Amino acid sequence: MDEKYKLLIKELRKDGRKKLTEVAKVTKIPVSTLFDMMHRLETKGLVGHKMLVNFEKIGFTMRTMIALKVDYDERKKLQEFLSKHKYINNLYEINDGYDYLVEGIFQNPKEMYDFIGEIEEKHSIITKSVHNIIRTISSEKFLTDDEHFR
């Protein structure tokens, strides 16, 4: 990857709301060049823009990661169910004894346990592992440092 792109990505990963004029001051790359670079990255689908929400501050105080192993014949049905469910923030297909890793966002423990009960009632779950997120120690740090590009 070109050094200019590395600098741009690193600065925007640190603060995605930073104005290109501020990035230009740090990187010593002209704003017009940065604008063209951003357009190329977006057009190629290499970067996108999403809003990060502080769920706790709007009343969703429980974040839970659930690993699920399901009967082979149930995978597609479970995947469709999970991908459309209101409590699901992220859904991943994984390996090493599980099929899916689900990130659920809930207002309280009852919502979480009701959700898990709904999954177990509607799908042939072989194994599940539930992990409540107590606090975030670090988040969205990858590609914010020169070391990441080596």
N, C-alpha and C. Protein backbone atom coordinates (compact mmCIF):
# COMPACT_ATOMS: atom_id res chain seq x y z
N MET A 1 0.85 -1.17 0.00
CA MET A 1 0.00 0.00 0.00
C MET A 1 0.89 1.24 0.00
N ASP A 2 0.52 2.20 -0.79
CA ASP A 2 1.23 3.46 -0.92
C ASP A 2 1.30 4.19 0.44
N GLU A 3 2.44 4.83 0.71
CA GLU A 3 2.65 5.51 1.99
C GLU A 3 1.59 6.58 2.28
N LYS A 4 1.18 7.31 1.24
CA LYS A 4 0.17 8.35 1.43
C LYS A 4 -1.15 7.74 1.91
N TYR A 5 -1.51 6.61 1.33
CA TYR A 5 -2.76 5.95 1.75
C TYR A 5 -2.65 5.46 3.19
N LYS A 6 -1.48 4.96 3.56
CA LYS A 6 -1.28 4.51 4.94
C LYS A 6 -1.47 5.67 5.91
N LEU A 7 -0.89 6.83 5.57
CA LEU A 7 -1.04 8.00 6.44
C LEU A 7 -2.49 8.43 6.55
N LEU A 8 -3.19 8.45 5.43
CA LEU A 8 -4.60 8.84 5.43
C LEU A 8 -5.44 7.90 6.27
N ILE A 9 -5.28 6.61 6.04
CA ILE A 9 -6.05 5.61 6.78
C ILE A 9 -5.74 5.69 8.27
N LYS A 10 -4.47 5.81 8.62
CA LYS A 10 -4.08 5.89 10.03
C LYS A 10 -4.74 7.09 10.71
N GLU A 11 -4.72 8.24 10.08
CA GLU A 11 -5.30 9.44 10.69
C GLU A 11 -6.82 9.32 10.82
N LEU A 12 -7.47 8.78 9.82
CA LEU A 12 -8.93 8.67 9.89
C LEU A 12 -9.39 7.54 10.80
N ARG A 13 -8.57 6.52 10.99
CA ARG A 13 -8.92 5.48 11.98
C ARG A 13 -8.83 6.03 13.39
N LYS A 14 -7.93 6.97 13.61
CA LYS A 14 -7.82 7.61 14.93
C LYS A 14 -9.06 8.46 15.21
N ASP A 15 -9.52 9.17 14.18
CA ASP A 15 -10.70 10.03 14.32
C ASP A 15 -11.34 10.19 12.95
N GLY A 16 -12.38 9.42 12.71
CA GLY A 16 -13.06 9.42 11.41
C GLY A 16 -13.80 10.71 11.10
N ARG A 17 -13.99 11.56 12.10
CA ARG A 17 -14.69 12.83 11.88
C ARG A 17 -13.71 13.98 11.59
N LYS A 18 -12.43 13.65 11.60
CA LYS A 18 -11.41 14.67 11.35
C LYS A 18 -11.57 15.22 9.94
N LYS A 19 -11.50 16.53 9.80
CA LYS A 19 -11.62 17.17 8.49
C LYS A 19 -10.35 16.92 7.68
N LEU A 20 -10.52 16.84 6.38
CA LEU A 20 -9.37 16.59 5.51
C LEU A 20 -8.34 17.71 5.63
N THR A 21 -8.77 18.92 5.96
CA THR A 21 -7.80 20.01 6.15
C THR A 21 -6.89 19.71 7.35
N GLU A 22 -7.47 19.09 8.40
CA GLU A 22 -6.67 18.71 9.57
C GLU A 22 -5.73 17.56 9.23
N VAL A 23 -6.24 16.58 8.45
CA VAL A 23 -5.42 15.45 8.02
C VAL A 23 -4.27 15.96 7.16
N ALA A 24 -4.55 16.94 6.32
CA ALA A 24 -3.51 17.50 5.44
C ALA A 24 -2.37 18.12 6.27
N LYS A 25 -2.72 18.79 7.36
CA LYS A 25 -1.69 19.40 8.21
C LYS A 25 -0.78 18.35 8.83
N VAL A 26 -1.37 17.24 9.26
CA VAL A 26 -0.60 16.18 9.91
C VAL A 26 0.23 15.39 8.90
N THR A 27 -0.38 15.08 7.76
CA THR A 27 0.27 14.19 6.79
C THR A 27 1.13 14.93 5.76
N LYS A 28 0.93 16.25 5.66
CA LYS A 28 1.63 17.07 4.66
C LYS A 28 1.22 16.67 3.23
N ILE A 29 0.00 16.17 3.08
CA ILE A 29 -0.56 15.82 1.78
C ILE A 29 -1.62 16.87 1.45
N PRO A 30 -1.60 17.43 0.24
CA PRO A 30 -2.60 18.45 -0.11
C PRO A 30 -4.03 17.92 0.02
N VAL A 31 -4.93 18.81 0.44
CA VAL A 31 -6.33 18.45 0.65
C VAL A 31 -6.94 17.87 -0.62
N SER A 32 -6.64 18.45 -1.77
CA SER A 32 -7.22 17.95 -3.03
C SER A 32 -6.77 16.51 -3.29
N THR A 33 -5.53 16.20 -2.96
CA THR A 33 -5.03 14.83 -3.13
C THR A 33 -5.74 13.90 -2.15
N LEU A 34 -5.89 14.34 -0.91
CA LEU A 34 -6.60 13.53 0.10
C LEU A 34 -8.04 13.27 -0.33
N PHE A 35 -8.69 14.27 -0.87
CA PHE A 35 -10.07 14.11 -1.34
C PHE A 35 -10.13 13.05 -2.44
N ASP A 36 -9.22 13.11 -3.40
CA ASP A 36 -9.17 12.12 -4.48
C ASP A 36 -8.88 10.72 -3.93
N MET A 37 -7.97 10.66 -2.98
CA MET A 37 -7.62 9.36 -2.37
C MET A 37 -8.84 8.77 -1.66
N MET A 38 -9.56 9.59 -0.90
CA MET A 38 -10.76 9.12 -0.20
C MET A 38 -11.79 8.60 -1.20
N HIS A 39 -11.96 9.34 -2.27
CA HIS A 39 -12.93 8.92 -3.30
C HIS A 39 -12.54 7.56 -3.88
N ARG A 40 -11.25 7.36 -4.15
CA ARG A 40 -10.79 6.06 -4.68
C ARG A 40 -11.02 4.93 -3.68
N LEU A 41 -10.71 5.17 -2.43
CA LEU A 41 -10.90 4.15 -1.39
C LEU A 41 -12.38 3.79 -1.25
N GLU A 42 -13.24 4.79 -1.28
CA GLU A 42 -14.68 4.55 -1.16
C GLU A 42 -15.22 3.81 -2.38
N THR A 43 -14.81 4.23 -3.58
CA THR A 43 -15.27 3.62 -4.82
C THR A 43 -14.89 2.15 -4.90
N LYS A 44 -13.70 1.82 -4.41
CA LYS A 44 -13.23 0.43 -4.43
C LYS A 44 -13.81 -0.39 -3.28
N GLY A 45 -14.58 0.25 -2.40
CA GLY A 45 -15.18 -0.46 -1.27
C GLY A 45 -14.19 -0.78 -0.16
N LEU A 46 -13.06 -0.08 -0.13
CA LEU A 46 -12.04 -0.33 0.89
C LEU A 46 -12.34 0.37 2.20
N VAL A 47 -13.11 1.45 2.15
CA VAL A 47 -13.53 2.15 3.35
C VAL A 47 -15.00 2.53 3.21
N GLY A 48 -15.63 2.74 4.34
CA GLY A 48 -17.02 3.18 4.38
C GLY A 48 -17.24 3.98 5.64
N HIS A 49 -18.39 4.56 5.74
CA HIS A 49 -18.69 5.40 6.90
C HIS A 49 -19.86 4.82 7.65
N LYS A 50 -19.69 4.67 8.95
CA LYS A 50 -20.75 4.18 9.82
C LYS A 50 -20.72 5.00 11.10
N MET A 51 -21.89 5.14 11.68
CA MET A 51 -21.99 5.86 12.94
C MET A 51 -21.83 4.86 14.07
N LEU A 52 -20.96 5.16 15.01
CA LEU A 52 -20.80 4.34 16.20
C LEU A 52 -21.71 4.91 17.29
N VAL A 53 -22.54 4.05 17.86
CA VAL A 53 -23.51 4.48 18.86
C VAL A 53 -23.05 4.03 20.24
N ASN A 54 -23.19 4.89 21.23
CA ASN A 54 -22.95 4.51 22.62
C ASN A 54 -24.27 3.95 23.14
N PHE A 55 -24.44 2.64 23.02
CA PHE A 55 -25.70 1.99 23.36
C PHE A 55 -26.10 2.22 24.82
N GLU A 56 -25.12 2.21 25.71
CA GLU A 56 -25.41 2.41 27.13
C GLU A 56 -26.11 3.73 27.40
N LYS A 57 -25.65 4.77 26.73
CA LYS A 57 -26.21 6.10 26.97
C LYS A 57 -27.63 6.25 26.46
N ILE A 58 -28.09 5.33 25.62
CA ILE A 58 -29.47 5.39 25.15
C ILE A 58 -30.32 4.26 25.74
N GLY A 59 -29.79 3.64 26.80
CA GLY A 59 -30.60 2.69 27.55
C GLY A 59 -30.37 1.22 27.28
N PHE A 60 -29.44 0.89 26.41
CA PHE A 60 -29.14 -0.53 26.13
C PHE A 60 -27.85 -0.88 26.87
N THR A 61 -28.04 -1.31 28.12
CA THR A 61 -26.90 -1.47 29.03
C THR A 61 -26.23 -2.83 28.97
N MET A 62 -26.80 -3.78 28.23
CA MET A 62 -26.20 -5.12 28.13
C MET A 62 -25.74 -5.40 26.71
N ARG A 63 -24.46 -5.73 26.62
CA ARG A 63 -23.89 -6.19 25.34
C ARG A 63 -23.40 -7.59 25.59
N THR A 64 -23.86 -8.53 24.77
CA THR A 64 -23.58 -9.94 24.99
C THR A 64 -23.06 -10.59 23.73
N MET A 65 -22.03 -11.42 23.88
CA MET A 65 -21.53 -12.23 22.78
C MET A 65 -21.99 -13.66 23.04
N ILE A 66 -22.62 -14.26 22.03
CA ILE A 66 -23.15 -15.62 22.16
C ILE A 66 -22.58 -16.47 21.04
N ALA A 67 -21.88 -17.53 21.40
CA ALA A 67 -21.37 -18.49 20.41
C ALA A 67 -22.37 -19.64 20.34
N LEU A 68 -22.73 -20.03 19.12
CA LEU A 68 -23.74 -21.07 18.93
C LEU A 68 -23.26 -22.14 17.97
N LYS A 69 -23.54 -23.38 18.34
CA LYS A 69 -23.36 -24.52 17.43
C LYS A 69 -24.75 -25.10 17.24
N VAL A 70 -25.11 -25.34 16.00
CA VAL A 70 -26.45 -25.79 15.67
C VAL A 70 -26.36 -26.98 14.72
N ASP A 71 -27.42 -27.80 14.70
CA ASP A 71 -27.47 -28.90 13.73
C ASP A 71 -27.20 -28.36 12.33
N TYR A 72 -26.48 -29.13 11.53
CA TYR A 72 -26.10 -28.70 10.18
C TYR A 72 -27.33 -28.25 9.38
N ASP A 73 -28.40 -28.99 9.47
CA ASP A 73 -29.61 -28.69 8.70
C ASP A 73 -30.30 -27.40 9.17
N GLU A 74 -29.95 -26.91 10.35
CA GLU A 74 -30.57 -25.72 10.93
C GLU A 74 -29.79 -24.43 10.64
N ARG A 75 -28.60 -24.55 10.10
CA ARG A 75 -27.73 -23.39 9.96
C ARG A 75 -28.37 -22.24 9.18
N LYS A 76 -28.88 -22.53 8.01
CA LYS A 76 -29.45 -21.47 7.18
C LYS A 76 -30.65 -20.82 7.87
N LYS A 77 -31.50 -21.62 8.47
CA LYS A 77 -32.68 -21.11 9.17
C LYS A 77 -32.27 -20.21 10.34
N LEU A 78 -31.28 -20.66 11.12
CA LEU A 78 -30.80 -19.86 12.25
C LEU A 78 -30.15 -18.57 11.76
N GLN A 79 -29.36 -18.66 10.72
CA GLN A 79 -28.69 -17.48 10.18
C GLN A 79 -29.72 -16.43 9.73
N GLU A 80 -30.75 -16.86 9.06
CA GLU A 80 -31.81 -15.93 8.63
C GLU A 80 -32.50 -15.30 9.84
N PHE A 81 -32.81 -16.13 10.83
CA PHE A 81 -33.46 -15.64 12.05
C PHE A 81 -32.60 -14.58 12.73
N LEU A 82 -31.32 -14.89 12.93
CA LEU A 82 -30.43 -13.98 13.64
C LEU A 82 -30.17 -12.71 12.85
N SER A 83 -30.00 -12.82 11.55
CA SER A 83 -29.66 -11.64 10.75
C SER A 83 -30.81 -10.63 10.68
N LYS A 84 -32.02 -11.07 10.99
CA LYS A 84 -33.18 -10.17 10.95
C LYS A 84 -33.66 -9.75 12.34
N HIS A 85 -33.07 -10.30 13.38
CA HIS A 85 -33.57 -10.07 14.74
C HIS A 85 -33.20 -8.67 15.24
N LYS A 86 -34.11 -8.04 15.95
CA LYS A 86 -33.92 -6.65 16.39
C LYS A 86 -32.78 -6.47 17.39
N TYR A 87 -32.42 -7.51 18.14
CA TYR A 87 -31.38 -7.36 19.15
C TYR A 87 -29.96 -7.58 18.60
N ILE A 88 -29.83 -8.02 17.37
CA ILE A 88 -28.52 -8.38 16.84
C ILE A 88 -27.81 -7.18 16.22
N ASN A 89 -26.61 -6.91 16.74
CA ASN A 89 -25.77 -5.84 16.19
C ASN A 89 -24.80 -6.40 15.16
N ASN A 90 -24.15 -7.52 15.46
CA ASN A 90 -23.22 -8.16 14.54
C ASN A 90 -23.43 -9.67 14.58
N LEU A 91 -23.24 -10.30 13.44
CA LEU A 91 -23.37 -11.75 13.31
C LEU A 91 -22.20 -12.25 12.50
N TYR A 92 -21.48 -13.24 13.04
CA TYR A 92 -20.29 -13.78 12.40
C TYR A 92 -20.42 -15.29 12.25
N GLU A 93 -19.93 -15.82 11.15
CA GLU A 93 -19.77 -17.26 11.01
C GLU A 93 -18.37 -17.59 11.51
N ILE A 94 -18.27 -18.56 12.41
CA ILE A 94 -16.98 -18.85 13.04
C ILE A 94 -16.65 -20.34 12.95
N ASN A 95 -15.55 -20.73 13.56
CA ASN A 95 -15.12 -22.14 13.53
C ASN A 95 -14.77 -22.62 14.94
N ASP A 96 -14.03 -23.70 15.03
CA ASP A 96 -13.56 -24.28 16.30
C ASP A 96 -14.70 -24.66 17.24
N GLY A 97 -15.62 -25.44 16.72
CA GLY A 97 -16.67 -25.99 17.58
C GLY A 97 -17.96 -25.20 17.62
N TYR A 98 -17.99 -24.05 16.98
CA TYR A 98 -19.20 -23.24 16.92
C TYR A 98 -19.46 -22.84 15.47
N ASP A 99 -20.70 -22.45 15.21
CA ASP A 99 -21.07 -22.01 13.86
C ASP A 99 -21.19 -20.49 13.76
N TYR A 100 -21.75 -19.86 14.80
CA TYR A 100 -22.00 -18.43 14.76
C TYR A 100 -21.56 -17.75 16.05
N LEU A 101 -21.12 -16.51 15.91
CA LEU A 101 -20.87 -15.63 17.04
C LEU A 101 -21.80 -14.44 16.86
N VAL A 102 -22.62 -14.21 17.86
CA VAL A 102 -23.68 -13.21 17.80
C VAL A 102 -23.39 -12.12 18.82
N GLU A 103 -23.43 -10.88 18.39
CA GLU A 103 -23.36 -9.77 19.33
C GLU A 103 -24.76 -9.21 19.48
N GLY A 104 -25.31 -9.34 20.68
CA GLY A 104 -26.64 -8.83 20.96
C GLY A 104 -26.57 -7.62 21.87
N ILE A 105 -27.49 -6.69 21.65
CA ILE A 105 -27.57 -5.47 22.45
C ILE A 105 -28.94 -5.49 23.14
N PHE A 106 -28.95 -5.38 24.47
CA PHE A 106 -30.19 -5.51 25.23
C PHE A 106 -30.31 -4.41 26.26
N GLN A 107 -31.55 -4.12 26.68
CA GLN A 107 -31.77 -3.13 27.71
C GLN A 107 -31.56 -3.70 29.11
N ASN A 108 -31.77 -5.01 29.24
CA ASN A 108 -31.67 -5.61 30.58
C ASN A 108 -31.48 -7.13 30.45
N PRO A 109 -31.15 -7.80 31.56
CA PRO A 109 -30.94 -9.25 31.50
C PRO A 109 -32.16 -10.04 31.03
N LYS A 110 -33.35 -9.59 31.38
CA LYS A 110 -34.56 -10.31 30.97
C LYS A 110 -34.66 -10.38 29.45
N GLU A 111 -34.39 -9.26 28.77
CA GLU A 111 -34.42 -9.26 27.30
C GLU A 111 -33.42 -10.27 26.75
N MET A 112 -32.23 -10.30 27.34
CA MET A 112 -31.21 -11.23 26.87
C MET A 112 -31.64 -12.67 27.07
N TYR A 113 -32.13 -13.01 28.27
CA TYR A 113 -32.53 -14.39 28.54
C TYR A 113 -33.76 -14.79 27.72
N ASP A 114 -34.67 -13.86 27.49
CA ASP A 114 -35.82 -14.15 26.62
C ASP A 114 -35.36 -14.43 25.19
N PHE A 115 -34.38 -13.65 24.73
CA PHE A 115 -33.83 -13.84 23.39
C PHE A 115 -33.18 -15.23 23.27
N ILE A 116 -32.36 -15.59 24.25
CA ILE A 116 -31.71 -16.91 24.23
C ILE A 116 -32.76 -18.01 24.28
N GLY A 117 -33.79 -17.83 25.08
CA GLY A 117 -34.88 -18.81 25.14
C GLY A 117 -35.58 -18.95 23.80
N GLU A 118 -35.77 -17.85 23.11
CA GLU A 118 -36.39 -17.87 21.78
C GLU A 118 -35.53 -18.65 20.79
N ILE A 119 -34.22 -18.44 20.85
CA ILE A 119 -33.31 -19.18 19.97
C ILE A 119 -33.43 -20.68 20.25
N GLU A 120 -33.36 -21.05 21.52
CA GLU A 120 -33.39 -22.47 21.90
C GLU A 120 -34.73 -23.11 21.57
N GLU A 121 -35.78 -22.34 21.65
CA GLU A 121 -37.12 -22.86 21.36
C GLU A 121 -37.33 -23.11 19.86
N LYS A 122 -36.74 -22.24 19.03
CA LYS A 122 -36.99 -22.30 17.58
C LYS A 122 -35.93 -23.07 16.80
N HIS A 123 -34.79 -23.36 17.42
CA HIS A 123 -33.67 -23.96 16.68
C HIS A 123 -33.02 -25.07 17.51
N SER A 124 -32.44 -26.03 16.82
CA SER A 124 -31.78 -27.17 17.47
C SER A 124 -30.35 -26.79 17.86
N ILE A 125 -30.22 -26.10 18.97
CA ILE A 125 -28.90 -25.65 19.43
C ILE A 125 -28.19 -26.83 20.10
N ILE A 126 -26.98 -27.11 19.64
CA ILE A 126 -26.17 -28.18 20.22
C ILE A 126 -25.39 -27.63 21.41
N THR A 127 -24.74 -26.48 21.20
CA THR A 127 -23.92 -25.86 22.24
C THR A 127 -24.05 -24.35 22.15
N LYS A 128 -24.03 -23.71 23.30
CA LYS A 128 -24.00 -22.24 23.32
C LYS A 128 -23.05 -21.79 24.42
N SER A 129 -22.47 -20.64 24.21
CA SER A 129 -21.59 -20.03 25.20
C SER A 129 -21.93 -18.55 25.24
N VAL A 130 -22.35 -18.06 26.41
CA VAL A 130 -22.82 -16.69 26.56
C VAL A 130 -21.80 -15.89 27.37
N HIS A 131 -21.43 -14.72 26.84
CA HIS A 131 -20.45 -13.87 27.49
C HIS A 131 -20.95 -12.43 27.49
N ASN A 132 -21.21 -11.90 28.67
CA ASN A 132 -21.63 -10.50 28.79
C ASN A 132 -20.40 -9.61 28.80
N ILE A 133 -20.46 -8.54 28.03
CA ILE A 133 -19.36 -7.57 27.99
C ILE A 133 -19.50 -6.68 29.22
N ILE A 134 -18.50 -6.69 30.07
CA ILE A 134 -18.51 -5.89 31.30
C ILE A 134 -18.11 -4.44 30.99
N ARG A 135 -17.01 -4.29 30.24
CA ARG A 135 -16.57 -2.96 29.82
C ARG A 135 -15.66 -3.10 28.61
N THR A 136 -15.62 -2.09 27.81
CA THR A 136 -14.72 -2.07 26.66
C THR A 136 -13.40 -1.46 27.11
N ILE A 137 -12.34 -2.21 26.90
CA ILE A 137 -11.01 -1.74 27.29
C ILE A 137 -10.35 -1.01 26.11
N SER A 138 -10.54 -1.55 24.92
CA SER A 138 -9.95 -0.98 23.72
C SER A 138 -10.88 -1.29 22.55
N SER A 139 -10.99 -0.36 21.63
CA SER A 139 -11.91 -0.55 20.52
C SER A 139 -11.41 0.20 19.29
N GLU A 140 -11.58 -0.41 18.13
CA GLU A 140 -11.27 0.23 16.85
C GLU A 140 -9.86 0.81 16.81
N LYS A 141 -8.88 0.00 17.21
CA LYS A 141 -7.49 0.46 17.27
C LYS A 141 -6.64 0.01 16.07
N PHE A 142 -7.11 -1.02 15.36
CA PHE A 142 -6.29 -1.56 14.27
C PHE A 142 -6.15 -0.53 13.16
N LEU A 143 -4.95 -0.42 12.63
CA LEU A 143 -4.55 0.52 11.58
C LEU A 143 -4.54 1.97 12.05
N THR A 144 -4.25 2.19 13.33
CA THR A 144 -4.11 3.54 13.87
C THR A 144 -2.66 3.88 14.17
N ASP A 145 -1.75 2.94 13.90
CA ASP A 145 -0.35 3.09 14.27
C ASP A 145 0.51 2.63 13.09
N ASP A 146 1.67 3.25 12.94
CA ASP A 146 2.60 2.85 11.87
C ASP A 146 2.96 1.38 11.95
N GLU A 147 3.06 0.84 13.17
CA GLU A 147 3.43 -0.56 13.37
C GLU A 147 2.47 -1.52 12.64
N HIS A 148 1.21 -1.13 12.52
CA HIS A 148 0.22 -1.98 11.85
C HIS A 148 0.50 -2.17 10.37
N PHE A 149 1.23 -1.28 9.77
CA PHE A 149 1.50 -1.32 8.34
C PHE A 149 2.81 -2.02 7.99
N ARG A 150 3.50 -2.54 9.01
CA ARG A 150 4.79 -3.21 8.74
C ARG A 150 4.60 -4.67 8.52
